[in-house]
Amino acid sequence: MKILQSRSFERKVKKFGKQEKKVLDKQILKIAENPSVGIEKKGDLRGVYVHKFKIRSIQYLLSYRLIRDDLELIMIGQHENYYRDFLKKSL
């Protein structure tokens, strides 16, 4: 399984510190081992999964989808207005 990143995902991750990236890497490995760990969205976002986790005390949402045998990381962001501002624009 290859793990692919969208441009918007790459830009957001660049702003993370070392400790935040370590937590993020663990969560990505968790998703790669079991892609059904996230919740599948409905409607316009069908086929997109969202995994929720915390870094320090801030809740982040990581959206991804499976393309054949590959895992595409679409977007990461804080919970507030996540779907409206980021996800629908990136798809």
C-alpha atoms as a PDB file:
ATOM      1  CA  MET A   1       0.000   0.000   0.000  1.00  0.00           C
ATOM      2  CA  LYS A   2       1.373   3.365  -1.019  1.00  0.00           C
ATOM      3  CA  ILE A   3       0.467   6.465   0.965  1.00  0.00           C
ATOM      4  CA  LEU A   4      -0.208   9.501  -1.224  1.00  0.00           C
ATOM      5  CA  GLN A   5      -0.624  13.104  -0.060  1.00  0.00           C
ATOM      6  CA  SER A   6      -2.624  15.899  -1.612  1.00  0.00           C
ATOM      7  CA  ARG A   7      -1.016  19.329  -1.963  1.00  0.00           C
ATOM      8  CA  SER A   8      -3.260  20.847   0.692  1.00  0.00           C
ATOM      9  CA  PHE A   9      -2.334  18.060   3.116  1.00  0.00           C
ATOM     10  CA  GLU A  10       1.379  18.662   2.501  1.00  0.00           C
ATOM     11  CA  ARG A  11       1.027  22.406   3.113  1.00  0.00           C
ATOM     12  CA  LYS A  12      -0.760  21.898   6.426  1.00  0.00           C
ATOM     13  CA  VAL A  13       1.737  19.312   7.678  1.00  0.00           C
ATOM     14  CA  LYS A  14       4.677  21.626   6.933  1.00  0.00           C
ATOM     15  CA  LYS A  15       3.409  23.935   9.674  1.00  0.00           C
ATOM     16  CA  PHE A  16       3.439  21.165  12.306  1.00  0.00           C
ATOM     17  CA  GLY A  17       6.231  20.841  14.879  1.00  0.00           C
ATOM     18  CA  LYS A  18       8.285  17.686  15.511  1.00  0.00           C
ATOM     19  CA  GLN A  19       6.052  16.363  18.293  1.00  0.00           C
ATOM     20  CA  GLU A  20       2.902  17.003  16.272  1.00  0.00           C
ATOM     21  CA  LYS A  21       4.384  15.167  13.287  1.00  0.00           C
ATOM     22  CA  LYS A  22       5.205  12.145  15.469  1.00  0.00           C
ATOM     23  CA  VAL A  23       1.590  11.912  16.630  1.00  0.00           C
ATOM     24  CA  LEU A  24       0.387  12.376  13.051  1.00  0.00           C
ATOM     25  CA  ASP A  25       2.698   9.620  11.760  1.00  0.00           C
ATOM     26  CA  LYS A  26       1.336   7.197  14.359  1.00  0.00           C
ATOM     27  CA  GLN A  27      -2.217   8.004  13.301  1.00  0.00           C
ATOM     28  CA  ILE A  28      -1.366   7.523   9.609  1.00  0.00           C
ATOM     29  CA  LEU A  29       0.160   4.119  10.347  1.00  0.00           C
ATOM     30  CA  LYS A  30      -2.965   3.223  12.314  1.00  0.00           C
ATOM     31  CA  ILE A  31      -5.089   4.121   9.277  1.00  0.00           C
ATOM     32  CA  ALA A  32      -2.803   2.187   6.901  1.00  0.00           C
ATOM     33  CA  GLU A  33      -3.132  -0.940   9.059  1.00  0.00           C
ATOM     34  CA  ASN A  34      -6.920  -0.648   9.317  1.00  0.00           C
ATOM     35  CA  PRO A  35      -8.502   1.742   6.760  1.00  0.00           C
ATOM     36  CA  SER A  36     -11.956   1.310   8.301  1.00  0.00           C
ATOM     37  CA  VAL A  37     -10.834   3.080  11.515  1.00  0.00           C
ATOM     38  CA  GLY A  38     -12.358   6.328  10.201  1.00  0.00           C
ATOM     39  CA  ILE A  39     -16.003   7.128   9.600  1.00  0.00           C
ATOM     40  CA  GLU A  40     -17.233   7.139   6.011  1.00  0.00           C
ATOM     41  CA  LYS A  41     -19.027  10.321   5.038  1.00  0.00           C
ATOM     42  CA  LYS A  42     -22.321  10.482   3.155  1.00  0.00           C
ATOM     43  CA  GLY A  43     -23.725  12.551   0.310  1.00  0.00           C
ATOM     44  CA  ASP A  44     -21.208  14.720  -1.558  1.00  0.00           C
ATOM     45  CA  LEU A  45     -18.349  13.262   0.472  1.00  0.00           C
ATOM     46  CA  ARG A  46     -19.188   9.615  -0.153  1.00  0.00           C
ATOM     47  CA  GLY A  47     -16.067   7.445  -0.287  1.00  0.00           C
ATOM     48  CA  VAL A  48     -14.147   9.816   1.983  1.00  0.00           C
ATOM     49  CA  TYR A  49     -13.266   8.682   5.494  1.00  0.00           C
ATOM     50  CA  VAL A  50     -12.527  10.979   8.430  1.00  0.00           C
ATOM     51  CA  HIS A  51     -10.399   9.935  11.390  1.00  0.00           C
ATOM     52  CA  LYS A  52     -10.544  12.049  14.565  1.00  0.00           C
ATOM     53  CA  PHE A  53      -7.624  12.319  16.980  1.00  0.00           C
ATOM     54  CA  LYS A  54      -6.070  14.791  19.396  1.00  0.00           C
ATOM     55  CA  ILE A  55      -2.708  16.507  19.404  1.00  0.00           C
ATOM     56  CA  ARG A  56      -2.208  18.007  22.822  1.00  0.00           C
ATOM     57  CA  SER A  57      -5.737  19.175  23.597  1.00  0.00           C
ATOM     58  CA  ILE A  58      -6.780  20.113  20.054  1.00  0.00           C
ATOM     59  CA  GLN A  59      -8.973  17.740  18.075  1.00  0.00           C
ATOM     60  CA  TYR A  60      -7.880  17.212  14.477  1.00  0.00           C
ATOM     61  CA  LEU A  61      -9.697  15.574  11.621  1.00  0.00           C
ATOM     62  CA  LEU A  62      -7.779  13.667   8.976  1.00  0.00           C
ATOM     63  CA  SER A  63      -9.661  12.870   5.779  1.00  0.00           C
ATOM     64  CA  TYR A  64      -8.548  10.119   3.450  1.00  0.00           C
ATOM     65  CA  ARG A  65      -9.820   7.789   0.777  1.00  0.00           C
ATOM     66  CA  LEU A  66      -8.793   4.481  -0.689  1.00  0.00           C
ATOM     67  CA  ILE A  67      -7.872   4.428  -4.353  1.00  0.00           C
ATOM     68  CA  ARG A  68      -7.425   0.811  -5.403  1.00  0.00           C
ATOM     69  CA  ASP A  69      -4.748  -0.389  -2.967  1.00  0.00           C
ATOM     70  CA  ASP A  70      -3.376   3.084  -2.187  1.00  0.00           C
ATOM     71  CA  LEU A  71      -4.234   5.436   0.658  1.00  0.00           C
ATOM     72  CA  GLU A  72      -4.679   9.102  -0.288  1.00  0.00           C
ATOM     73  CA  LEU A  73      -4.454  11.623   2.541  1.00  0.00           C
ATOM     74  CA  ILE A  74      -6.705  14.484   1.495  1.00  0.00           C
ATOM     75  CA  MET A  75      -6.797  17.058   4.272  1.00  0.00           C
ATOM     76  CA  ILE A  76      -6.012  17.639   7.925  1.00  0.00           C
ATOM     77  CA  GLY A  77      -7.385  20.418  10.076  1.00  0.00           C
ATOM     78  CA  GLN A  78      -9.019  21.409  13.295  1.00  0.00           C
ATOM     79  CA  HIS A  79     -12.631  20.472  13.866  1.00  0.00           C
ATOM     80  CA  GLU A  80     -14.119  23.955  13.606  1.00  0.00           C
ATOM     81  CA  ASN A  81     -15.700  24.487  10.140  1.00  0.00           C
ATOM     82  CA  TYR A  82     -13.600  21.620   8.765  1.00  0.00           C
ATOM     83  CA  TYR A  83     -16.166  20.286   6.328  1.00  0.00           C
ATOM     84  CA  ARG A  84     -17.364  23.637   5.078  1.00  0.00           C
ATOM     85  CA  ASP A  85     -14.026  25.360   4.619  1.00  0.00           C
ATOM     86  CA  PHE A  86     -11.634  22.632   3.611  1.00  0.00           C
ATOM     87  CA  LEU A  87     -12.987  19.319   2.552  1.00  0.00           C
ATOM     88  CA  LYS A  88     -15.675  20.331   0.054  1.00  0.00           C
ATOM     89  CA  LYS A  89     -13.270  22.745  -1.660  1.00  0.00           C
ATOM     90  CA  SER A  90     -10.504  20.162  -1.939  1.00  0.00           C
ATOM     91  CA  LEU A  91     -12.601  17.499  -3.679  1.00  0.00           C
END
